[in-house]
N, C-alpha and C. Protein backbone atom coordinates (compact mmCIF):
# COMPACT_ATOMS: atom_id res chain seq x y z
N UNK A 1 0.84 -1.17 0.00
CA UNK A 1 0.00 0.00 0.00
C UNK A 1 0.89 1.24 0.00
N UNK A 2 0.69 2.07 -1.01
CA UNK A 2 1.50 3.28 -1.17
C UNK A 2 0.88 4.43 -0.38
N UNK A 3 1.63 4.98 0.57
CA UNK A 3 1.14 6.09 1.39
C UNK A 3 1.15 7.37 0.58
N UNK A 4 0.00 8.06 0.56
CA UNK A 4 -0.13 9.33 -0.14
C UNK A 4 0.15 10.49 0.81
N UNK A 5 -0.37 10.42 2.02
CA UNK A 5 -0.12 11.48 3.00
C UNK A 5 -0.34 10.96 4.42
N UNK A 6 0.28 11.65 5.37
CA UNK A 6 0.13 11.34 6.79
C UNK A 6 0.06 12.66 7.54
N UNK A 7 -0.86 12.73 8.49
CA UNK A 7 -0.90 13.90 9.37
C UNK A 7 -1.65 13.57 10.66
N UNK A 8 -1.28 14.28 11.71
CA UNK A 8 -1.94 14.08 13.00
C UNK A 8 -3.35 14.67 12.94
N UNK A 9 -4.29 13.98 13.59
CA UNK A 9 -5.67 14.46 13.63
C UNK A 9 -5.81 15.60 14.63
N UNK A 10 -6.69 16.54 14.32
CA UNK A 10 -7.02 17.61 15.26
C UNK A 10 -7.86 17.01 16.40
N UNK A 11 -7.92 17.70 17.50
CA UNK A 11 -8.61 17.16 18.68
C UNK A 11 -10.09 16.88 18.42
N UNK A 12 -10.76 17.71 17.60
CA UNK A 12 -12.17 17.44 17.31
C UNK A 12 -12.32 16.18 16.44
N UNK A 13 -11.38 15.92 15.55
CA UNK A 13 -11.41 14.69 14.75
C UNK A 13 -11.13 13.47 15.63
N UNK A 14 -10.23 13.62 16.59
CA UNK A 14 -9.95 12.53 17.53
C UNK A 14 -11.21 12.20 18.33
N UNK A 15 -11.90 13.22 18.81
CA UNK A 15 -13.15 13.00 19.56
C UNK A 15 -14.18 12.29 18.70
N UNK A 16 -14.28 12.66 17.42
CA UNK A 16 -15.23 12.01 16.51
C UNK A 16 -14.90 10.53 16.35
N UNK A 17 -13.62 10.21 16.14
CA UNK A 17 -13.20 8.81 16.01
C UNK A 17 -13.50 8.04 17.29
N UNK A 18 -13.11 8.61 18.43
CA UNK A 18 -13.32 7.92 19.71
C UNK A 18 -14.80 7.70 20.00
N UNK A 19 -15.63 8.71 19.77
CA UNK A 19 -17.06 8.55 20.08
C UNK A 19 -17.74 7.60 19.09
N UNK A 20 -17.36 7.65 17.83
CA UNK A 20 -17.95 6.76 16.84
C UNK A 20 -17.63 5.29 17.15
N UNK A 21 -16.38 5.02 17.48
CA UNK A 21 -15.98 3.65 17.81
C UNK A 21 -16.63 3.19 19.12
N UNK A 22 -16.72 4.09 20.10
CA UNK A 22 -17.37 3.76 21.37
C UNK A 22 -18.86 3.45 21.16
N UNK A 23 -19.54 4.27 20.37
CA UNK A 23 -20.97 4.07 20.12
C UNK A 23 -21.23 2.77 19.37
N UNK A 24 -20.40 2.48 18.36
CA UNK A 24 -20.62 1.31 17.52
C UNK A 24 -20.22 0.01 18.20
N UNK A 25 -19.11 0.02 18.92
CA UNK A 25 -18.53 -1.24 19.39
C UNK A 25 -18.37 -1.36 20.90
N UNK A 26 -18.71 -0.31 21.64
CA UNK A 26 -18.55 -0.36 23.08
C UNK A 26 -17.09 -0.38 23.51
N UNK A 27 -16.23 0.26 22.72
CA UNK A 27 -14.79 0.25 22.96
C UNK A 27 -14.31 1.67 23.23
N UNK A 28 -13.50 1.82 24.27
CA UNK A 28 -12.89 3.11 24.55
C UNK A 28 -11.46 3.11 24.03
N UNK A 29 -11.22 3.90 22.99
CA UNK A 29 -9.85 4.08 22.51
C UNK A 29 -9.17 5.07 23.44
N UNK A 30 -7.99 4.76 23.85
CA UNK A 30 -7.31 5.62 24.80
C UNK A 30 -5.89 5.86 24.32
N UNK A 31 -5.78 6.51 23.16
CA UNK A 31 -4.47 6.74 22.59
C UNK A 31 -3.93 8.12 22.92
N UNK A 32 -2.62 8.23 22.83
CA UNK A 32 -1.97 9.52 23.01
C UNK A 32 -1.80 10.25 21.68
N UNK A 33 -1.59 9.48 20.59
CA UNK A 33 -1.43 10.09 19.27
C UNK A 33 -2.36 9.43 18.26
N UNK A 34 -2.93 10.24 17.39
CA UNK A 34 -3.83 9.78 16.34
C UNK A 34 -3.33 10.38 15.03
N UNK A 35 -2.92 9.51 14.11
CA UNK A 35 -2.37 9.97 12.84
C UNK A 35 -3.16 9.36 11.69
N UNK A 36 -3.65 10.20 10.79
CA UNK A 36 -4.39 9.74 9.62
C UNK A 36 -3.42 9.42 8.50
N UNK A 37 -3.56 8.23 7.91
CA UNK A 37 -2.73 7.81 6.79
C UNK A 37 -3.66 7.60 5.59
N UNK A 38 -3.39 8.33 4.51
CA UNK A 38 -4.14 8.17 3.27
C UNK A 38 -3.27 7.42 2.28
N UNK A 39 -3.89 6.54 1.50
CA UNK A 39 -3.17 5.69 0.55
C UNK A 39 -3.49 6.09 -0.88
N UNK A 40 -2.52 5.85 -1.77
CA UNK A 40 -2.70 6.09 -3.20
C UNK A 40 -3.68 5.10 -3.82
N UNK A 41 -3.58 3.85 -3.39
CA UNK A 41 -4.23 2.74 -4.09
C UNK A 41 -5.23 1.97 -3.25
N UNK A 42 -5.87 2.64 -2.29
CA UNK A 42 -6.82 1.95 -1.42
C UNK A 42 -8.05 2.82 -1.23
N UNK A 43 -9.18 2.18 -1.07
CA UNK A 43 -10.42 2.92 -0.79
C UNK A 43 -10.49 3.34 0.67
N UNK A 44 -9.59 2.82 1.51
CA UNK A 44 -9.62 3.09 2.94
C UNK A 44 -8.52 4.05 3.37
N UNK A 45 -8.82 4.87 4.36
CA UNK A 45 -7.83 5.64 5.08
C UNK A 45 -7.71 4.99 6.46
N UNK A 46 -6.54 5.07 7.05
CA UNK A 46 -6.28 4.41 8.33
C UNK A 46 -5.90 5.46 9.37
N UNK A 47 -6.34 5.22 10.60
CA UNK A 47 -5.91 6.05 11.72
C UNK A 47 -4.98 5.21 12.58
N UNK A 48 -3.75 5.69 12.71
CA UNK A 48 -2.80 5.04 13.60
C UNK A 48 -3.03 5.59 15.00
N UNK A 49 -3.33 4.71 15.93
CA UNK A 49 -3.50 5.10 17.33
C UNK A 49 -2.25 4.62 18.05
N UNK A 50 -1.46 5.57 18.52
CA UNK A 50 -0.16 5.27 19.13
C UNK A 50 0.69 4.40 18.21
N UNK A 51 0.62 4.71 16.90
CA UNK A 51 1.45 4.04 15.92
C UNK A 51 0.89 2.74 15.36
N UNK A 52 -0.24 2.27 15.91
CA UNK A 52 -0.84 1.02 15.43
C UNK A 52 -2.06 1.30 14.56
N UNK A 53 -2.23 0.57 13.44
CA UNK A 53 -3.38 0.79 12.56
C UNK A 53 -4.67 0.25 13.19
N UNK A 54 -5.27 1.02 14.07
CA UNK A 54 -6.41 0.56 14.87
C UNK A 54 -7.76 0.88 14.27
N UNK A 55 -7.84 1.94 13.46
CA UNK A 55 -9.12 2.41 12.93
C UNK A 55 -8.97 2.64 11.43
N UNK A 56 -10.05 2.35 10.69
CA UNK A 56 -10.06 2.70 9.28
C UNK A 56 -11.41 3.32 8.94
N UNK A 57 -11.43 4.09 7.87
CA UNK A 57 -12.67 4.73 7.44
C UNK A 57 -13.30 3.90 6.33
N UNK A 58 -14.57 3.54 6.55
CA UNK A 58 -15.36 2.84 5.54
C UNK A 58 -16.52 3.78 5.21
N UNK A 59 -16.54 4.28 3.99
CA UNK A 59 -17.57 5.24 3.58
C UNK A 59 -17.68 6.39 4.58
N UNK A 60 -16.54 6.95 4.95
CA UNK A 60 -16.44 8.08 5.89
C UNK A 60 -16.85 7.75 7.33
N UNK A 61 -17.03 6.47 7.65
CA UNK A 61 -17.36 6.05 9.01
C UNK A 61 -16.12 5.41 9.65
N UNK A 62 -15.64 5.96 10.77
CA UNK A 62 -14.50 5.33 11.44
C UNK A 62 -14.94 4.04 12.12
N UNK A 63 -14.13 2.99 11.96
CA UNK A 63 -14.46 1.68 12.54
C UNK A 63 -13.14 0.97 12.83
N UNK A 64 -13.15 0.05 13.76
CA UNK A 64 -11.93 -0.66 14.11
C UNK A 64 -11.46 -1.57 12.98
N UNK A 65 -10.15 -1.64 12.78
CA UNK A 65 -9.56 -2.63 11.89
C UNK A 65 -9.58 -3.97 12.62
N UNK A 66 -9.21 -5.04 11.93
CA UNK A 66 -9.10 -6.35 12.59
C UNK A 66 -8.10 -6.26 13.74
N UNK A 67 -6.96 -5.63 13.49
CA UNK A 67 -5.94 -5.49 14.54
C UNK A 67 -6.47 -4.64 15.70
N UNK A 68 -7.17 -3.57 15.38
CA UNK A 68 -7.74 -2.71 16.42
C UNK A 68 -8.78 -3.42 17.24
N UNK A 69 -9.61 -4.24 16.59
CA UNK A 69 -10.64 -4.99 17.31
C UNK A 69 -10.02 -6.05 18.21
N UNK A 70 -8.96 -6.69 17.75
CA UNK A 70 -8.30 -7.70 18.58
C UNK A 70 -7.58 -7.08 19.78
N UNK A 71 -7.19 -5.83 19.66
CA UNK A 71 -6.52 -5.14 20.77
C UNK A 71 -7.50 -4.59 21.80
N UNK A 72 -8.79 -4.46 21.44
CA UNK A 72 -9.74 -3.78 22.31
C UNK A 72 -10.95 -4.61 22.73
N UNK A 73 -11.23 -5.71 22.10
CA UNK A 73 -12.34 -6.60 22.44
C UNK A 73 -13.71 -5.92 22.42
N UNK A 74 -14.27 -5.69 21.25
CA UNK A 74 -15.59 -5.06 21.12
C UNK A 74 -16.69 -5.89 21.80
N UNK A 75 -17.71 -5.19 22.30
CA UNK A 75 -18.84 -5.86 22.95
C UNK A 75 -20.13 -5.71 22.15
N UNK A 76 -20.15 -4.81 21.18
CA UNK A 76 -21.32 -4.58 20.35
C UNK A 76 -20.98 -4.86 18.89
N UNK A 77 -22.04 -5.14 18.10
CA UNK A 77 -21.88 -5.41 16.65
C UNK A 77 -20.87 -6.51 16.40
N UNK A 78 -21.02 -7.61 17.13
CA UNK A 78 -20.11 -8.75 17.00
C UNK A 78 -20.88 -9.94 16.43
N UNK A 79 -20.33 -10.53 15.38
CA UNK A 79 -20.86 -11.76 14.78
C UNK A 79 -19.84 -12.86 15.08
N UNK A 80 -20.30 -13.95 15.68
CA UNK A 80 -19.40 -15.03 16.06
C UNK A 80 -19.62 -16.23 15.14
N UNK A 81 -18.52 -16.75 14.57
CA UNK A 81 -18.60 -17.88 13.64
C UNK A 81 -17.97 -19.12 14.26
N UNK A 82 -18.38 -20.28 13.75
CA UNK A 82 -17.84 -21.55 14.24
C UNK A 82 -16.51 -21.89 13.57
N UNK A 83 -15.88 -22.94 14.05
CA UNK A 83 -14.55 -23.33 13.54
C UNK A 83 -14.57 -23.63 12.05
N UNK A 84 -15.66 -24.14 11.53
CA UNK A 84 -15.75 -24.47 10.11
C UNK A 84 -15.71 -23.26 9.20
N UNK A 85 -16.05 -22.10 9.73
CA UNK A 85 -16.08 -20.88 8.91
C UNK A 85 -14.77 -20.11 8.95
N UNK A 86 -13.88 -20.44 9.88
CA UNK A 86 -12.66 -19.64 10.10
C UNK A 86 -11.83 -19.47 8.84
N UNK A 87 -11.52 -20.56 8.16
CA UNK A 87 -10.64 -20.45 6.99
C UNK A 87 -11.28 -19.62 5.87
N UNK A 88 -12.58 -19.73 5.70
CA UNK A 88 -13.27 -18.97 4.65
C UNK A 88 -13.29 -17.47 4.99
N UNK A 89 -13.67 -17.15 6.22
CA UNK A 89 -13.74 -15.75 6.65
C UNK A 89 -12.35 -15.13 6.63
N UNK A 90 -11.34 -15.87 7.06
CA UNK A 90 -9.96 -15.37 7.08
C UNK A 90 -9.43 -15.10 5.68
N UNK A 91 -10.00 -15.76 4.68
CA UNK A 91 -9.60 -15.55 3.29
C UNK A 91 -10.44 -14.47 2.60
N UNK A 92 -11.36 -13.84 3.34
CA UNK A 92 -12.15 -12.75 2.78
C UNK A 92 -13.52 -13.12 2.26
N UNK A 93 -13.96 -14.34 2.53
CA UNK A 93 -15.29 -14.75 2.06
C UNK A 93 -16.38 -14.03 2.84
N UNK A 94 -17.50 -13.81 2.20
CA UNK A 94 -18.66 -13.27 2.90
C UNK A 94 -19.14 -14.33 3.89
N UNK A 95 -19.87 -13.90 4.91
CA UNK A 95 -20.30 -14.82 5.97
C UNK A 95 -21.70 -15.33 5.68
N UNK A 96 -21.83 -16.65 5.73
CA UNK A 96 -23.10 -17.31 5.48
C UNK A 96 -23.75 -17.73 6.80
N UNK A 97 -25.08 -17.80 6.82
CA UNK A 97 -25.80 -18.16 8.05
C UNK A 97 -25.33 -19.45 8.71
N UNK A 98 -25.11 -20.53 7.97
CA UNK A 98 -24.76 -21.78 8.65
C UNK A 98 -23.48 -21.69 9.50
N UNK A 99 -22.59 -20.75 9.20
CA UNK A 99 -21.35 -20.63 9.96
C UNK A 99 -21.46 -19.79 11.21
N UNK A 100 -22.59 -19.13 11.40
CA UNK A 100 -22.75 -18.22 12.53
C UNK A 100 -23.34 -18.94 13.73
N UNK A 101 -22.71 -18.76 14.89
CA UNK A 101 -23.24 -19.35 16.12
C UNK A 101 -24.00 -18.32 16.94
N UNK A 102 -23.64 -17.03 16.82
CA UNK A 102 -24.41 -15.98 17.48
C UNK A 102 -24.03 -14.61 16.91
N UNK A 103 -24.91 -13.65 17.14
CA UNK A 103 -24.67 -12.27 16.74
C UNK A 103 -25.36 -11.37 17.75
N UNK A 104 -24.73 -10.24 18.07
CA UNK A 104 -25.35 -9.33 19.02
C UNK A 104 -26.62 -8.74 18.42
N UNK A 105 -27.61 -8.50 19.28
CA UNK A 105 -28.93 -8.05 18.85
C UNK A 105 -28.93 -6.60 18.35
N UNK A 106 -27.84 -5.86 18.60
CA UNK A 106 -27.80 -4.45 18.22
C UNK A 106 -27.43 -4.23 16.76
N UNK A 107 -27.28 -5.29 15.99
CA UNK A 107 -26.89 -5.18 14.59
C UNK A 107 -28.12 -4.92 13.71
N UNK A 108 -28.00 -3.92 12.84
CA UNK A 108 -29.05 -3.61 11.86
C UNK A 108 -28.46 -3.75 10.46
N UNK A 109 -29.31 -3.99 9.46
CA UNK A 109 -28.79 -4.07 8.09
C UNK A 109 -28.02 -2.79 7.73
N UNK A 110 -26.85 -2.97 7.11
CA UNK A 110 -26.02 -1.85 6.73
C UNK A 110 -24.96 -1.50 7.76
N UNK A 111 -25.09 -2.02 8.98
CA UNK A 111 -24.09 -1.74 10.01
C UNK A 111 -22.77 -2.44 9.70
N UNK A 112 -21.67 -1.78 10.08
CA UNK A 112 -20.38 -2.44 10.07
C UNK A 112 -20.31 -3.33 11.30
N UNK A 113 -19.73 -4.52 11.14
CA UNK A 113 -19.64 -5.48 12.24
C UNK A 113 -18.25 -6.10 12.26
N UNK A 114 -17.87 -6.63 13.44
CA UNK A 114 -16.65 -7.43 13.53
C UNK A 114 -17.07 -8.89 13.55
N UNK A 115 -16.24 -9.73 12.93
CA UNK A 115 -16.53 -11.16 12.84
C UNK A 115 -15.45 -11.89 13.62
N UNK A 116 -15.87 -12.58 14.68
CA UNK A 116 -14.93 -13.25 15.57
C UNK A 116 -15.17 -14.75 15.55
N UNK A 117 -14.12 -15.52 15.88
CA UNK A 117 -14.28 -16.96 15.96
C UNK A 117 -14.66 -17.33 17.40
N UNK A 118 -15.43 -18.43 17.54
CA UNK A 118 -16.03 -18.72 18.83
C UNK A 118 -15.08 -19.27 19.88
N UNK A 119 -14.02 -19.97 19.51
CA UNK A 119 -13.15 -20.62 20.48
C UNK A 119 -12.36 -19.64 21.32
N UNK A 120 -11.67 -18.71 20.68
CA UNK A 120 -10.82 -17.76 21.40
C UNK A 120 -11.30 -16.32 21.33
N UNK A 121 -12.34 -16.07 20.53
CA UNK A 121 -12.88 -14.73 20.40
C UNK A 121 -12.05 -13.80 19.55
N UNK A 122 -11.08 -14.33 18.80
CA UNK A 122 -10.24 -13.50 17.94
C UNK A 122 -11.04 -12.99 16.75
N UNK A 123 -10.85 -11.72 16.43
CA UNK A 123 -11.54 -11.12 15.29
C UNK A 123 -10.81 -11.51 14.01
N UNK A 124 -11.57 -11.98 13.04
CA UNK A 124 -11.02 -12.44 11.77
C UNK A 124 -11.27 -11.45 10.64
N UNK A 125 -12.34 -10.68 10.76
CA UNK A 125 -12.72 -9.81 9.65
C UNK A 125 -13.66 -8.71 10.13
N UNK A 126 -13.85 -7.73 9.25
CA UNK A 126 -14.84 -6.68 9.42
C UNK A 126 -15.72 -6.74 8.19
N UNK A 127 -17.02 -6.59 8.39
CA UNK A 127 -17.94 -6.66 7.26
C UNK A 127 -19.14 -5.76 7.45
N UNK A 128 -20.03 -5.79 6.46
CA UNK A 128 -21.27 -5.02 6.52
C UNK A 128 -22.44 -5.99 6.60
N UNK A 129 -23.27 -5.81 7.63
CA UNK A 129 -24.42 -6.68 7.86
C UNK A 129 -25.47 -6.50 6.78
N UNK A 130 -26.06 -7.60 6.37
CA UNK A 130 -27.14 -7.56 5.39
C UNK A 130 -28.51 -7.74 6.04
N UNK A 131 -28.51 -8.25 7.30
CA UNK A 131 -29.75 -8.49 8.05
C UNK A 131 -29.54 -8.08 9.51
N UNK A 132 -30.62 -8.08 10.28
CA UNK A 132 -30.55 -7.80 11.72
C UNK A 132 -29.76 -8.89 12.43
N UNK A 133 -29.14 -8.54 13.56
CA UNK A 133 -28.40 -9.51 14.36
C UNK A 133 -29.25 -10.69 14.78
N UNK A 134 -30.52 -10.44 15.12
CA UNK A 134 -31.43 -11.52 15.54
C UNK A 134 -31.76 -12.48 14.41
N UNK A 135 -31.49 -12.08 13.17
CA UNK A 135 -31.83 -12.90 12.00
C UNK A 135 -30.59 -13.53 11.35
N UNK A 136 -29.44 -13.49 12.02
CA UNK A 136 -28.20 -13.98 11.40
C UNK A 136 -28.02 -15.49 11.50
N UNK A 137 -28.44 -16.08 12.60
CA UNK A 137 -28.26 -17.52 12.76
C UNK A 137 -29.36 -18.21 11.95
N UNK A 138 -28.97 -19.24 11.17
CA UNK A 138 -29.96 -19.94 10.36
C UNK A 138 -29.32 -20.96 9.44
N UNK A 139 -30.10 -21.39 8.44
CA UNK A 139 -29.67 -22.49 7.59
C UNK A 139 -29.05 -22.07 6.26
N UNK A 140 -29.43 -20.91 5.73
CA UNK A 140 -28.87 -20.55 4.42
C UNK A 140 -28.89 -19.04 4.22
N UNK A 141 -28.05 -18.61 3.31
CA UNK A 141 -28.02 -17.22 2.92
C UNK A 141 -26.80 -16.46 3.39
N UNK A 142 -26.40 -15.48 2.59
CA UNK A 142 -25.29 -14.59 2.92
C UNK A 142 -25.82 -13.50 3.82
N UNK A 143 -25.17 -13.27 4.98
CA UNK A 143 -25.67 -12.27 5.93
C UNK A 143 -24.68 -11.16 6.26
N UNK A 144 -23.38 -11.37 5.96
CA UNK A 144 -22.39 -10.32 6.17
C UNK A 144 -21.46 -10.28 4.95
N UNK A 145 -21.32 -9.09 4.37
CA UNK A 145 -20.40 -8.89 3.26
C UNK A 145 -19.03 -8.50 3.82
N UNK A 146 -18.01 -9.24 3.47
CA UNK A 146 -16.66 -8.99 3.99
C UNK A 146 -16.06 -7.73 3.37
N UNK A 147 -15.40 -6.92 4.21
CA UNK A 147 -14.75 -5.69 3.76
C UNK A 147 -13.25 -5.73 3.99
N UNK A 148 -12.85 -6.28 5.14
CA UNK A 148 -11.44 -6.30 5.55
C UNK A 148 -11.23 -7.56 6.38
N UNK A 149 -10.11 -8.27 6.11
CA UNK A 149 -9.91 -9.54 6.79
C UNK A 149 -8.43 -9.77 7.11
N UNK A 150 -8.20 -10.75 7.97
CA UNK A 150 -6.84 -11.14 8.33
C UNK A 150 -6.07 -11.45 7.05
N UNK A 151 -4.87 -10.90 6.94
CA UNK A 151 -4.01 -11.20 5.80
C UNK A 151 -4.15 -10.28 4.61
N UNK A 152 -5.18 -9.43 4.56
CA UNK A 152 -5.30 -8.54 3.41
C UNK A 152 -4.28 -7.40 3.52
N UNK A 153 -4.23 -6.53 2.51
CA UNK A 153 -3.25 -5.44 2.48
C UNK A 153 -3.36 -4.53 3.70
N UNK A 154 -4.59 -4.23 4.09
CA UNK A 154 -4.81 -3.36 5.24
C UNK A 154 -4.30 -4.03 6.52
N UNK A 155 -4.53 -5.33 6.66
CA UNK A 155 -4.04 -6.06 7.82
C UNK A 155 -2.52 -6.09 7.86
N UNK A 156 -1.90 -6.20 6.69
CA UNK A 156 -0.45 -6.28 6.59
C UNK A 156 0.24 -4.93 6.83
N UNK A 157 -0.53 -3.84 6.66
CA UNK A 157 0.07 -2.51 6.80
C UNK A 157 0.49 -2.27 8.25
N UNK A 158 1.67 -1.77 8.43
CA UNK A 158 2.12 -1.34 9.76
C UNK A 158 2.62 0.08 9.65
N UNK A 159 2.20 0.91 10.60
CA UNK A 159 2.50 2.33 10.58
C UNK A 159 3.91 2.64 10.30
């Protein structure tokens, strides 16, 4: 990923990132430095929190990266998948109902969500929900569109 520009966020932008992530995921970011990194060849911009790529912008909405979610343990907008889905989700596949064991009830269609595996709770991907959280567990159908996953360019990026 080719970096186009980097600059520290102003305090009002930092507050927006912190409150947006707190509202969406129940996570308090507590960084000393917040630096925005824009890329030449990516649809995403990244916010480095204390030098770590913890937040990225999806359609102008700040949300935790996979690395950021694993460092903070979100409590809201979490979709949990079984062991059989891990390899598919980790490779960037969309999430299908049969692989889901639970989803938080606060998820609405169009929401960004984190996708975690059930054994250790590690976040594997970030996606966009296609249905309500209460309607995610079932027998068939795609319910989360994958946006960012373990091993992709964004995951590999280090500040």
